[in-house]
Amino acid sequence: GDRNRARKCKVESEVKRLHFRASRTWKSSARVEILWLFRRAQRWDVYSKVIL
């Protein structure tokens, strides 16, 4: 429904924002960036389950 789509958009924009920040912080190490984003994404999934 609309709520899920809204959540998906919110998560995607958050991931993009984090990715942008991460890529600025870790230009030299893509692997660290990916691992960090993966950890953040997992935590985000937990947050979204708690919130909704």
C-alpha atoms as a PDB file:
ATOM      1  CA  GLY A   1       0.000   0.000   0.000  1.00  0.00           C
ATOM      2  CA  ASP A   2       0.869   3.679   0.190  1.00  0.00           C
ATOM      3  CA  ARG A   3       2.430   3.283   3.597  1.00  0.00           C
ATOM      4  CA  ASN A   4       4.845   0.614   2.405  1.00  0.00           C
ATOM      5  CA  ARG A   5       5.759   2.681  -0.637  1.00  0.00           C
ATOM      6  CA  ALA A   6       6.360   5.702   1.563  1.00  0.00           C
ATOM      7  CA  ARG A   7       8.547   3.633   3.862  1.00  0.00           C
ATOM      8  CA  LYS A   8      10.462   2.238   0.900  1.00  0.00           C
ATOM      9  CA  CYS A   9      11.098   5.758  -0.414  1.00  0.00           C
ATOM     10  CA  LYS A  10      12.208   6.899   3.022  1.00  0.00           C
ATOM     11  CA  VAL A  11      14.589   3.975   3.394  1.00  0.00           C
ATOM     12  CA  GLU A  12      15.980   4.462  -0.123  1.00  0.00           C
ATOM     13  CA  SER A  13      16.595   8.181   0.420  1.00  0.00           C
ATOM     14  CA  GLU A  14      18.243   7.423   3.770  1.00  0.00           C
ATOM     15  CA  VAL A  15      20.477   4.819   2.139  1.00  0.00           C
ATOM     16  CA  LYS A  16      21.407   7.295  -0.608  1.00  0.00           C
ATOM     17  CA  ARG A  17      22.201   9.951   1.990  1.00  0.00           C
ATOM     18  CA  LEU A  18      24.302   7.508   4.001  1.00  0.00           C
ATOM     19  CA  HIS A  19      25.995   6.286   0.842  1.00  0.00           C
ATOM     20  CA  PHE A  20      26.881   9.849  -0.143  1.00  0.00           C
ATOM     21  CA  ARG A  21      28.284  10.557   3.300  1.00  0.00           C
ATOM     22  CA  ALA A  22      30.140   7.243   3.348  1.00  0.00           C
ATOM     23  CA  SER A  23      31.636   7.773  -0.091  1.00  0.00           C
ATOM     24  CA  ARG A  24      32.953  11.156   1.035  1.00  0.00           C
ATOM     25  CA  THR A  25      34.347   9.652   4.223  1.00  0.00           C
ATOM     26  CA  TRP A  26      35.852   6.520   2.710  1.00  0.00           C
ATOM     27  CA  LYS A  27      36.871   7.406  -0.823  1.00  0.00           C
ATOM     28  CA  SER A  28      39.893   5.133  -0.464  1.00  0.00           C
ATOM     29  CA  SER A  29      38.064   2.013   0.720  1.00  0.00           C
ATOM     30  CA  ALA A  30      34.900   0.862  -1.031  1.00  0.00           C
ATOM     31  CA  ARG A  31      34.839  -2.345   0.971  1.00  0.00           C
ATOM     32  CA  VAL A  32      34.646  -0.556   4.311  1.00  0.00           C
ATOM     33  CA  GLU A  33      31.917   1.666   2.866  1.00  0.00           C
ATOM     34  CA  ILE A  34      29.859  -1.326   1.736  1.00  0.00           C
ATOM     35  CA  LEU A  35      30.240  -3.144   5.058  1.00  0.00           C
ATOM     36  CA  TRP A  36      29.291   0.008   6.966  1.00  0.00           C
ATOM     37  CA  LEU A  37      26.224   0.572   4.793  1.00  0.00           C
ATOM     38  CA  PHE A  38      25.231  -3.059   5.203  1.00  0.00           C
ATOM     39  CA  ARG A  39      25.392  -2.693   8.979  1.00  0.00           C
ATOM     40  CA  ARG A  40      23.387   0.527   8.808  1.00  0.00           C
ATOM     41  CA  ALA A  41      20.806  -1.083   6.520  1.00  0.00           C
ATOM     42  CA  GLN A  42      20.349  -3.984   8.940  1.00  0.00           C
ATOM     43  CA  ARG A  43      19.869  -1.569  11.810  1.00  0.00           C
ATOM     44  CA  TRP A  44      17.438   0.434   9.667  1.00  0.00           C
ATOM     45  CA  ASP A  45      15.412  -2.707   9.048  1.00  0.00           C
ATOM     46  CA  VAL A  46      15.176  -3.261  12.808  1.00  0.00           C
ATOM     47  CA  TYR A  47      14.185   0.371  13.370  1.00  0.00           C
ATOM     48  CA  SER A  48      11.459   0.203  10.732  1.00  0.00           C
ATOM     49  CA  LYS A  49      10.031  -2.939  12.343  1.00  0.00           C
ATOM     50  CA  VAL A  50       9.987  -1.244  15.738  1.00  0.00           C
ATOM     51  CA  ILE A  51       8.490   1.999  14.406  1.00  0.00           C
ATOM     52  CA  LEU A  52       5.783   0.440  12.241  1.00  0.00           C
END
